[in-house]
Amino acid sequence: MVLAILLGVLAGLVGFVPLVIGLKLTKRTTHGGTAASMIVLMLGLVVSFALLFAFAALFFGYDHDRGIAFLLAEVLALSAAAIGFALWQMLRR
C-alpha cells in the first residue's frame, strides 16, 4: 500500500510538469495573440492528463487491488503541486 501511494505521488508530480512547461512557453509567446497562448496551455493540459491516465492504466494492470490508492495519491499530488505552485507564484510577486 505504501509503495502504491509513493508511486502515485511520483506520478502526480510528473503529471504536473507539462503544465509548468506550458505556462513557461505561454509567457515566452509574443506573437500569435491569445489563441496561441491558449493552444500551448491546452496542449500542456492534454499531455498532463495523458500521462496521468497512462500511469494509472499501467498501475491498474500491475496491481489492481491497490489501484485506488495509487489513483487517489496521484490526483492529490497533482492538486497539491498546482496549489503550491500557484501560491509560490503569488508570494514571489
PDB file of N, CA and C in Angstrom:
ATOM      1  N   MET A   1       0.818  -1.193   0.000  1.00  0.00           N
ATOM      2  CA  MET A   1       0.000   0.000   0.000  1.00  0.00           C
ATOM      3  C   MET A   1       0.863   1.259   0.000  1.00  0.00           C
ATOM      4  N   VAL A   2       1.928   1.258   0.789  1.00  0.00           N
ATOM      5  CA  VAL A   2       2.810   2.425   0.864  1.00  0.00           C
ATOM      6  C   VAL A   2       3.494   2.650  -0.475  1.00  0.00           C
ATOM      7  N   LEU A   3       3.899   1.568  -1.125  1.00  0.00           N
ATOM      8  CA  LEU A   3       4.548   1.686  -2.435  1.00  0.00           C
ATOM      9  C   LEU A   3       3.576   2.265  -3.457  1.00  0.00           C
ATOM     10  N   ALA A   4       2.325   1.858  -3.408  1.00  0.00           N
ATOM     11  CA  ALA A   4       1.321   2.388  -4.337  1.00  0.00           C
ATOM     12  C   ALA A   4       1.134   3.886  -4.122  1.00  0.00           C
ATOM     13  N   ILE A   5       1.112   4.322  -2.875  1.00  0.00           N
ATOM     14  CA  ILE A   5       0.934   5.740  -2.584  1.00  0.00           C
ATOM     15  C   ILE A   5       2.153   6.538  -3.022  1.00  0.00           C
ATOM     16  N   LEU A   6       3.346   6.024  -2.743  1.00  0.00           N
ATOM     17  CA  LEU A   6       4.561   6.725  -3.164  1.00  0.00           C
ATOM     18  C   LEU A   6       4.662   6.825  -4.679  1.00  0.00           C
ATOM     19  N   LEU A   7       4.322   5.745  -5.377  1.00  0.00           N
ATOM     20  CA  LEU A   7       4.339   5.783  -6.834  1.00  0.00           C
ATOM     21  C   LEU A   7       3.264   6.725  -7.377  1.00  0.00           C
ATOM     22  N   GLY A   8       2.117   6.788  -6.706  1.00  0.00           N
ATOM     23  CA  GLY A   8       1.067   7.712  -7.104  1.00  0.00           C
ATOM     24  C   GLY A   8       1.485   9.166  -6.942  1.00  0.00           C
ATOM     25  N   VAL A   9       2.152   9.461  -5.846  1.00  0.00           N
ATOM     26  CA  VAL A   9       2.660  10.823  -5.631  1.00  0.00           C
ATOM     27  C   VAL A   9       3.677  11.175  -6.705  1.00  0.00           C
ATOM     28  N   LEU A  10       4.575  10.260  -6.997  1.00  0.00           N
ATOM     29  CA  LEU A  10       5.572  10.495  -8.039  1.00  0.00           C
ATOM     30  C   LEU A  10       4.908  10.711  -9.396  1.00  0.00           C
ATOM     31  N   ALA A  11       3.917   9.895  -9.724  1.00  0.00           N
ATOM     32  CA  ALA A  11       3.213  10.036 -10.996  1.00  0.00           C
ATOM     33  C   ALA A  11       2.458  11.363 -11.056  1.00  0.00           C
ATOM     34  N   GLY A  12       1.879  11.792  -9.955  1.00  0.00           N
ATOM     35  CA  GLY A  12       1.183  13.075  -9.919  1.00  0.00           C
ATOM     36  C   GLY A  12       2.119  14.251 -10.132  1.00  0.00           C
ATOM     37  N   LEU A  13       3.301  14.173  -9.548  1.00  0.00           N
ATOM     38  CA  LEU A  13       4.284  15.238  -9.736  1.00  0.00           C
ATOM     39  C   LEU A  13       4.809  15.264 -11.167  1.00  0.00           C
ATOM     40  N   VAL A  14       5.018  14.086 -11.750  1.00  0.00           N
ATOM     41  CA  VAL A  14       5.458  14.015 -13.147  1.00  0.00           C
ATOM     42  C   VAL A  14       4.348  14.539 -14.059  1.00  0.00           C
ATOM     43  N   GLY A  15       3.105  14.267 -13.710  1.00  0.00           N
ATOM     44  CA  GLY A  15       1.985  14.767 -14.494  1.00  0.00           C
ATOM     45  C   GLY A  15       1.823  16.272 -14.420  1.00  0.00           C
ATOM     46  N   PHE A  16       2.380  16.906 -13.423  1.00  0.00           N
ATOM     47  CA  PHE A  16       2.298  18.364 -13.291  1.00  0.00           C
ATOM     48  C   PHE A  16       3.335  19.076 -14.154  1.00  0.00           C
ATOM     49  N   VAL A  17       4.398  18.401 -14.520  1.00  0.00           N
ATOM     50  CA  VAL A  17       5.485  19.018 -15.284  1.00  0.00           C
ATOM     51  C   VAL A  17       5.007  19.606 -16.619  1.00  0.00           C
ATOM     52  N   PRO A  18       4.196  18.911 -17.431  1.00  0.00           N
ATOM     53  CA  PRO A  18       3.750  19.533 -18.687  1.00  0.00           C
ATOM     54  C   PRO A  18       2.948  20.817 -18.484  1.00  0.00           C
ATOM     55  N   LEU A  19       2.245  20.925 -17.384  1.00  0.00           N
ATOM     56  CA  LEU A  19       1.508  22.160 -17.117  1.00  0.00           C
ATOM     57  C   LEU A  19       2.460  23.327 -16.860  1.00  0.00           C
ATOM     58  N   VAL A  20       3.522  23.080 -16.126  1.00  0.00           N
ATOM     59  CA  VAL A  20       4.509  24.129 -15.856  1.00  0.00           C
ATOM     60  C   VAL A  20       5.231  24.512 -17.146  1.00  0.00           C
ATOM     61  N   ILE A  21       5.575  23.522 -17.946  1.00  0.00           N
ATOM     62  CA  ILE A  21       6.240  23.805 -19.220  1.00  0.00           C
ATOM     63  C   ILE A  21       5.324  24.619 -20.123  1.00  0.00           C
ATOM     64  N   GLY A  22       4.045  24.260 -20.180  1.00  0.00           N
ATOM     65  CA  GLY A  22       3.096  25.025 -20.979  1.00  0.00           C
ATOM     66  C   GLY A  22       2.973  26.460 -20.504  1.00  0.00           C
ATOM     67  N   LEU A  23       2.976  26.665 -19.196  1.00  0.00           N
ATOM     68  CA  LEU A  23       2.900  28.017 -18.654  1.00  0.00           C
ATOM     69  C   LEU A  23       4.144  28.822 -19.002  1.00  0.00           C
ATOM     70  N   LYS A  24       5.300  28.202 -18.893  1.00  0.00           N
ATOM     71  CA  LYS A  24       6.547  28.899 -19.235  1.00  0.00           C
ATOM     72  C   LYS A  24       6.576  29.257 -20.719  1.00  0.00           C
ATOM     73  N   LEU A  25       6.120  28.328 -21.584  1.00  0.00           N
ATOM     74  CA  LEU A  25       6.090  28.617 -23.015  1.00  0.00           C
ATOM     75  C   LEU A  25       5.070  29.701 -23.349  1.00  0.00           C
ATOM     76  N   THR A  26       3.984  29.746 -22.616  1.00  0.00           N
ATOM     77  CA  THR A  26       2.974  30.776 -22.845  1.00  0.00           C
ATOM     78  C   THR A  26       3.531  32.159 -22.532  1.00  0.00           C
ATOM     79  N   LYS A  27       4.317  32.247 -21.495  1.00  0.00           N
ATOM     80  CA  LYS A  27       4.894  33.545 -21.146  1.00  0.00           C
ATOM     81  C   LYS A  27       5.904  34.009 -22.182  1.00  0.00           C
ATOM     82  N   ARG A  28       6.528  33.082 -22.905  1.00  0.00           N
ATOM     83  CA  ARG A  28       7.510  33.431 -23.938  1.00  0.00           C
ATOM     84  C   ARG A  28       6.872  33.695 -25.295  1.00  0.00           C
ATOM     85  N   THR A  29       5.617  33.314 -25.469  1.00  0.00           N
ATOM     86  CA  THR A  29       4.942  33.502 -26.747  1.00  0.00           C
ATOM     87  C   THR A  29       4.592  34.971 -26.904  1.00  0.00           C
ATOM     88  N   THR A  30       5.217  35.618 -27.888  1.00  0.00           N
ATOM     89  CA  THR A  30       4.977  37.042 -28.106  1.00  0.00           C
ATOM     90  C   THR A  30       4.113  37.287 -29.326  1.00  0.00           C
ATOM     91  N   HIS A  31       4.103  36.371 -30.263  1.00  0.00           N
ATOM     92  CA  HIS A  31       3.283  36.556 -31.464  1.00  0.00           C
ATOM     93  C   HIS A  31       2.161  35.525 -31.483  1.00  0.00           C
ATOM     94  N   GLY A  32       1.116  35.832 -32.181  1.00  0.00           N
ATOM     95  CA  GLY A  32       0.004  34.891 -32.264  1.00  0.00           C
ATOM     96  C   GLY A  32      -1.148  35.247 -31.359  1.00  0.00           C
ATOM     97  N   GLY A  33      -0.943  36.136 -30.417  1.00  0.00           N
ATOM     98  CA  GLY A  33      -2.028  36.598 -29.563  1.00  0.00           C
ATOM     99  C   GLY A  33      -2.502  35.571 -28.557  1.00  0.00           C
ATOM    100  N   THR A  34      -3.730  35.753 -28.143  1.00  0.00           N
ATOM    101  CA  THR A  34      -4.322  34.930 -27.106  1.00  0.00           C
ATOM    102  C   THR A  34      -4.545  33.498 -27.566  1.00  0.00           C
ATOM    103  N   ALA A  35      -4.882  33.322 -28.833  1.00  0.00           N
ATOM    104  CA  ALA A  35      -5.158  31.976 -29.345  1.00  0.00           C
ATOM    105  C   ALA A  35      -3.921  31.087 -29.246  1.00  0.00           C
ATOM    106  N   ALA A  36      -2.760  31.619 -29.574  1.00  0.00           N
ATOM    107  CA  ALA A  36      -1.530  30.830 -29.490  1.00  0.00           C
ATOM    108  C   ALA A  36      -1.228  30.454 -28.051  1.00  0.00           C
ATOM    109  N   SER A  37      -1.442  31.371 -27.131  1.00  0.00           N
ATOM    110  CA  SER A  37      -1.195  31.081 -25.724  1.00  0.00           C
ATOM    111  C   SER A  37      -2.142  29.998 -25.214  1.00  0.00           C
ATOM    112  N   MET A  38      -3.395  30.085 -25.611  1.00  0.00           N
ATOM    113  CA  MET A  38      -4.374  29.088 -25.167  1.00  0.00           C
ATOM    114  C   MET A  38      -4.078  27.716 -25.760  1.00  0.00           C
ATOM    115  N   ILE A  39      -3.619  27.672 -26.995  1.00  0.00           N
ATOM    116  CA  ILE A  39      -3.281  26.388 -27.614  1.00  0.00           C
ATOM    117  C   ILE A  39      -2.127  25.737 -26.869  1.00  0.00           C
ATOM    118  N   VAL A  40      -1.135  26.530 -26.500  1.00  0.00           N
ATOM    119  CA  VAL A  40       0.008  25.990 -25.760  1.00  0.00           C
ATOM    120  C   VAL A  40      -0.433  25.462 -24.398  1.00  0.00           C
ATOM    121  N   LEU A  41      -1.278  26.202 -23.703  1.00  0.00           N
ATOM    122  CA  LEU A  41      -1.767  25.755 -22.400  1.00  0.00           C
ATOM    123  C   LEU A  41      -2.644  24.507 -22.518  1.00  0.00           C
ATOM    124  N   MET A  42      -3.495  24.457 -23.526  1.00  0.00           N
ATOM    125  CA  MET A  42      -4.348  23.285 -23.722  1.00  0.00           C
ATOM    126  C   MET A  42      -3.518  22.058 -24.081  1.00  0.00           C
ATOM    127  N   LEU A  43      -2.469  22.245 -24.866  1.00  0.00           N
ATOM    128  CA  LEU A  43      -1.576  21.135 -25.194  1.00  0.00           C
ATOM    129  C   LEU A  43      -0.890  20.610 -23.937  1.00  0.00           C
ATOM    130  N   GLY A  44      -0.458  21.508 -23.070  1.00  0.00           N
ATOM    131  CA  GLY A  44       0.135  21.091 -21.798  1.00  0.00           C
ATOM    132  C   GLY A  44      -0.855  20.334 -20.934  1.00  0.00           C
ATOM    133  N   LEU A  45      -2.101  20.770 -20.932  1.00  0.00           N
ATOM    134  CA  LEU A  45      -3.146  20.099 -20.156  1.00  0.00           C
ATOM    135  C   LEU A  45      -3.437  18.704 -20.707  1.00  0.00           C
ATOM    136  N   VAL A  46      -3.501  18.589 -22.029  1.00  0.00           N
ATOM    137  CA  VAL A  46      -3.762  17.283 -22.655  1.00  0.00           C
ATOM    138  C   VAL A  46      -2.619  16.310 -22.379  1.00  0.00           C
ATOM    139  N   VAL A  47      -1.391  16.789 -22.494  1.00  0.00           N
ATOM    140  CA  VAL A  47      -0.237  15.921 -22.220  1.00  0.00           C
ATOM    141  C   VAL A  47      -0.223  15.506 -20.752  1.00  0.00           C
ATOM    142  N   SER A  48      -0.553  16.431 -19.868  1.00  0.00           N
ATOM    143  CA  SER A  48      -0.586  16.117 -18.445  1.00  0.00           C
ATOM    144  C   SER A  48      -1.611  15.023 -18.146  1.00  0.00           C
ATOM    145  N   PHE A  49      -2.829  15.178 -18.659  1.00  0.00           N
ATOM    146  CA  PHE A  49      -3.855  14.166 -18.421  1.00  0.00           C
ATOM    147  C   PHE A  49      -3.520  12.842 -19.099  1.00  0.00           C
ATOM    148  N   ALA A  50      -2.889  12.896 -20.260  1.00  0.00           N
ATOM    149  CA  ALA A  50      -2.484  11.657 -20.930  1.00  0.00           C
ATOM    150  C   ALA A  50      -1.463  10.897 -20.081  1.00  0.00           C
ATOM    151  N   LEU A  51      -0.526  11.624 -19.494  1.00  0.00           N
ATOM    152  CA  LEU A  51       0.451  10.982 -18.609  1.00  0.00           C
ATOM    153  C   LEU A  51      -0.232  10.376 -17.386  1.00  0.00           C
ATOM    154  N   LEU A  52      -1.152  11.117 -16.788  1.00  0.00           N
ATOM    155  CA  LEU A  52      -1.850  10.615 -15.602  1.00  0.00           C
ATOM    156  C   LEU A  52      -2.658   9.360 -15.927  1.00  0.00           C
ATOM    157  N   PHE A  53      -3.373   9.377 -17.044  1.00  0.00           N
ATOM    158  CA  PHE A  53      -4.149   8.201 -17.428  1.00  0.00           C
ATOM    159  C   PHE A  53      -3.247   7.021 -17.765  1.00  0.00           C
ATOM    160  N   ALA A  54      -2.123   7.289 -18.418  1.00  0.00           N
ATOM    161  CA  ALA A  54      -1.202   6.206 -18.769  1.00  0.00           C
ATOM    162  C   ALA A  54      -0.600   5.578 -17.511  1.00  0.00           C
ATOM    163  N   PHE A  55      -0.176   6.417 -16.571  1.00  0.00           N
ATOM    164  CA  PHE A  55       0.372   5.883 -15.322  1.00  0.00           C
ATOM    165  C   PHE A  55      -0.673   5.075 -14.560  1.00  0.00           C
ATOM    166  N   ALA A  56      -1.909   5.592 -14.518  1.00  0.00           N
ATOM    167  CA  ALA A  56      -2.974   4.883 -13.812  1.00  0.00           C
ATOM    168  C   ALA A  56      -3.283   3.547 -14.489  1.00  0.00           C
ATOM    169  N   ALA A  57      -3.341   3.536 -15.811  1.00  0.00           N
ATOM    170  CA  ALA A  57      -3.619   2.283 -16.528  1.00  0.00           C
ATOM    171  C   ALA A  57      -2.503   1.272 -16.313  1.00  0.00           C
ATOM    172  N   LEU A  58      -1.263   1.733 -16.333  1.00  0.00           N
ATOM    173  CA  LEU A  58      -0.137   0.824 -16.086  1.00  0.00           C
ATOM    174  C   LEU A  58      -0.186   0.253 -14.676  1.00  0.00           C
ATOM    175  N   PHE A  59      -0.495   1.102 -13.712  1.00  0.00           N
ATOM    176  CA  PHE A  59      -0.523   0.603 -12.343  1.00  0.00           C
ATOM    177  C   PHE A  59      -1.700  -0.325 -12.103  1.00  0.00           C
ATOM    178  N   PHE A  60      -2.867  -0.003 -12.666  1.00  0.00           N
ATOM    179  CA  PHE A  60      -4.015  -0.895 -12.523  1.00  0.00           C
ATOM    180  C   PHE A  60      -3.736  -2.247 -13.164  1.00  0.00           C
ATOM    181  N   GLY A  61      -2.984  -2.250 -14.258  1.00  0.00           N
ATOM    182  CA  GLY A  61      -2.602  -3.513 -14.871  1.00  0.00           C
ATOM    183  C   GLY A  61      -1.601  -4.294 -14.036  1.00  0.00           C
ATOM    184  N   TYR A  62      -0.759  -3.556 -13.315  1.00  0.00           N
ATOM    185  CA  TYR A  62       0.265  -4.198 -12.489  1.00  0.00           C
ATOM    186  C   TYR A  62      -0.322  -4.705 -11.172  1.00  0.00           C
ATOM    187  N   ASP A  63      -1.087  -3.865 -10.478  1.00  0.00           N
ATOM    188  CA  ASP A  63      -1.624  -4.217  -9.160  1.00  0.00           C
ATOM    189  C   ASP A  63      -3.034  -3.636  -9.020  1.00  0.00           C
ATOM    190  N   HIS A  64      -4.005  -4.407  -9.438  1.00  0.00           N
ATOM    191  CA  HIS A  64      -5.385  -3.941  -9.467  1.00  0.00           C
ATOM    192  C   HIS A  64      -5.942  -3.677  -8.063  1.00  0.00           C
ATOM    193  N   ASP A  65      -5.489  -4.416  -7.074  1.00  0.00           N
ATOM    194  CA  ASP A  65      -6.020  -4.274  -5.713  1.00  0.00           C
ATOM    195  C   ASP A  65      -5.667  -2.932  -5.074  1.00  0.00           C
ATOM    196  N   ARG A  66      -4.524  -2.397  -5.392  1.00  0.00           N
ATOM    197  CA  ARG A  66      -4.085  -1.134  -4.791  1.00  0.00           C
ATOM    198  C   ARG A  66      -4.197   0.038  -5.768  1.00  0.00           C
ATOM    199  N   GLY A  67      -4.943  -0.147  -6.823  1.00  0.00           N
ATOM    200  CA  GLY A  67      -5.076   0.882  -7.847  1.00  0.00           C
ATOM    201  C   GLY A  67      -5.766   2.143  -7.360  1.00  0.00           C
ATOM    202  N   ILE A  68      -6.760   2.003  -6.508  1.00  0.00           N
ATOM    203  CA  ILE A  68      -7.470   3.177  -5.999  1.00  0.00           C
ATOM    204  C   ILE A  68      -6.550   4.038  -5.129  1.00  0.00           C
ATOM    205  N   ALA A  69      -5.721   3.408  -4.330  1.00  0.00           N
ATOM    206  CA  ALA A  69      -4.768   4.162  -3.504  1.00  0.00           C
ATOM    207  C   ALA A  69      -3.792   4.928  -4.395  1.00  0.00           C
ATOM    208  N   PHE A  70      -3.329   4.275  -5.455  1.00  0.00           N
ATOM    209  CA  PHE A  70      -2.434   4.928  -6.403  1.00  0.00           C
ATOM    210  C   PHE A  70      -3.127   6.119  -7.057  1.00  0.00           C
ATOM    211  N   LEU A  71      -4.348   5.912  -7.502  1.00  0.00           N
ATOM    212  CA  LEU A  71      -5.091   6.953  -8.202  1.00  0.00           C
ATOM    213  C   LEU A  71      -5.372   8.154  -7.297  1.00  0.00           C
ATOM    214  N   LEU A  72      -5.775   7.897  -6.062  1.00  0.00           N
ATOM    215  CA  LEU A  72      -6.021   8.997  -5.131  1.00  0.00           C
ATOM    216  C   LEU A  72      -4.735   9.757  -4.808  1.00  0.00           C
ATOM    217  N   ALA A  73      -3.645   9.038  -4.618  1.00  0.00           N
ATOM    218  CA  ALA A  73      -2.368   9.703  -4.346  1.00  0.00           C
ATOM    219  C   ALA A  73      -1.920  10.525  -5.551  1.00  0.00           C
ATOM    220  N   GLU A  74      -2.168  10.007  -6.732  1.00  0.00           N
ATOM    221  CA  GLU A  74      -1.790  10.711  -7.959  1.00  0.00           C
ATOM    222  C   GLU A  74      -2.564  12.024  -8.092  1.00  0.00           C
ATOM    223  N   VAL A  75      -3.862  11.955  -7.878  1.00  0.00           N
ATOM    224  CA  VAL A  75      -4.713  13.148  -8.000  1.00  0.00           C
ATOM    225  C   VAL A  75      -4.390  14.159  -6.904  1.00  0.00           C
ATOM    226  N   LEU A  76      -4.201  13.693  -5.698  1.00  0.00           N
ATOM    227  CA  LEU A  76      -3.881  14.606  -4.600  1.00  0.00           C
ATOM    228  C   LEU A  76      -2.511  15.258  -4.786  1.00  0.00           C
ATOM    229  N   ALA A  77      -1.545  14.509  -5.293  1.00  0.00           N
ATOM    230  CA  ALA A  77      -0.213  15.077  -5.534  1.00  0.00           C
ATOM    231  C   ALA A  77      -0.267  16.131  -6.628  1.00  0.00           C
ATOM    232  N   LEU A  78      -1.014  15.865  -7.700  1.00  0.00           N
ATOM    233  CA  LEU A  78      -1.150  16.851  -8.774  1.00  0.00           C
ATOM    234  C   LEU A  78      -1.845  18.102  -8.254  1.00  0.00           C
ATOM    235  N   SER A  79      -2.891  17.937  -7.482  1.00  0.00           N
ATOM    236  CA  SER A  79      -3.618  19.081  -6.924  1.00  0.00           C
ATOM    237  C   SER A  79      -2.746  19.881  -5.961  1.00  0.00           C
ATOM    238  N   ALA A  80      -2.030  19.194  -5.098  1.00  0.00           N
ATOM    239  CA  ALA A  80      -1.156  19.878  -4.142  1.00  0.00           C
ATOM    240  C   ALA A  80      -0.026  20.608  -4.867  1.00  0.00           C
ATOM    241  N   ALA A  81       0.519  19.999  -5.913  1.00  0.00           N
ATOM    242  CA  ALA A  81       1.576  20.663  -6.684  1.00  0.00           C
ATOM    243  C   ALA A  81       1.041  21.911  -7.364  1.00  0.00           C
ATOM    244  N   ALA A  82      -0.153  21.841  -7.916  1.00  0.00           N
ATOM    245  CA  ALA A  82      -0.734  23.004  -8.587  1.00  0.00           C
ATOM    246  C   ALA A  82      -1.030  24.123  -7.595  1.00  0.00           C
ATOM    247  N   ILE A  83      -1.584  23.778  -6.436  1.00  0.00           N
ATOM    248  CA  ILE A  83      -1.878  24.790  -5.422  1.00  0.00           C
ATOM    249  C   ILE A  83      -0.584  25.389  -4.878  1.00  0.00           C
ATOM    250  N   GLY A  84       0.395  24.538  -4.605  1.00  0.00           N
ATOM    251  CA  GLY A  84       1.682  25.028  -4.116  1.00  0.00           C
ATOM    252  C   GLY A  84       2.380  25.921  -5.128  1.00  0.00           C
ATOM    253  N   PHE A  85       2.320  25.548  -6.391  1.00  0.00           N
ATOM    254  CA  PHE A  85       2.942  26.359  -7.438  1.00  0.00           C
ATOM    255  C   PHE A  85       2.253  27.718  -7.550  1.00  0.00           C
ATOM    256  N   ALA A  86       0.934  27.730  -7.493  1.00  0.00           N
ATOM    257  CA  ALA A  86       0.188  28.986  -7.578  1.00  0.00           C
ATOM    258  C   ALA A  86       0.489  29.891  -6.389  1.00  0.00           C
ATOM    259  N   LEU A  87       0.540  29.319  -5.203  1.00  0.00           N
ATOM    260  CA  LEU A  87       0.868  30.114  -4.017  1.00  0.00           C
ATOM    261  C   LEU A  87       2.291  30.657  -4.092  1.00  0.00           C
ATOM    262  N   TRP A  88       3.205  29.845  -4.567  1.00  0.00           N
ATOM    263  CA  TRP A  88       4.596  30.284  -4.701  1.00  0.00           C
ATOM    264  C   TRP A  88       4.696  31.429  -5.701  1.00  0.00           C
ATOM    265  N   GLN A  89       3.959  31.326  -6.805  1.00  0.00           N
ATOM    266  CA  GLN A  89       3.977  32.407  -7.808  1.00  0.00           C
ATOM    267  C   GLN A  89       3.373  33.689  -7.234  1.00  0.00           C
ATOM    268  N   MET A  90       2.308  33.567  -6.454  1.00  0.00           N
ATOM    269  CA  MET A  90       1.680  34.752  -5.881  1.00  0.00           C
ATOM    270  C   MET A  90       2.576  35.414  -4.838  1.00  0.00           C
ATOM    271  N   LEU A  91       3.235  34.610  -4.010  1.00  0.00           N
ATOM    272  CA  LEU A  91       4.092  35.165  -2.959  1.00  0.00           C
ATOM    273  C   LEU A  91       5.394  35.715  -3.532  1.00  0.00           C
ATOM    274  N   ARG A  92       5.807  35.210  -4.658  1.00  0.00           N
ATOM    275  CA  ARG A  92       7.048  35.668  -5.277  1.00  0.00           C
ATOM    276  C   ARG A  92       6.912  37.068  -5.839  1.00  0.00           C
ATOM    277  N   ARG A  93       5.708  37.454  -6.199  1.00  0.00           N
ATOM    278  CA  ARG A  93       5.489  38.785  -6.794  1.00  0.00           C
ATOM    279  C   ARG A  93       5.389  39.777  -5.724  1.00  0.00           C
TER     280      ARG A  93
END
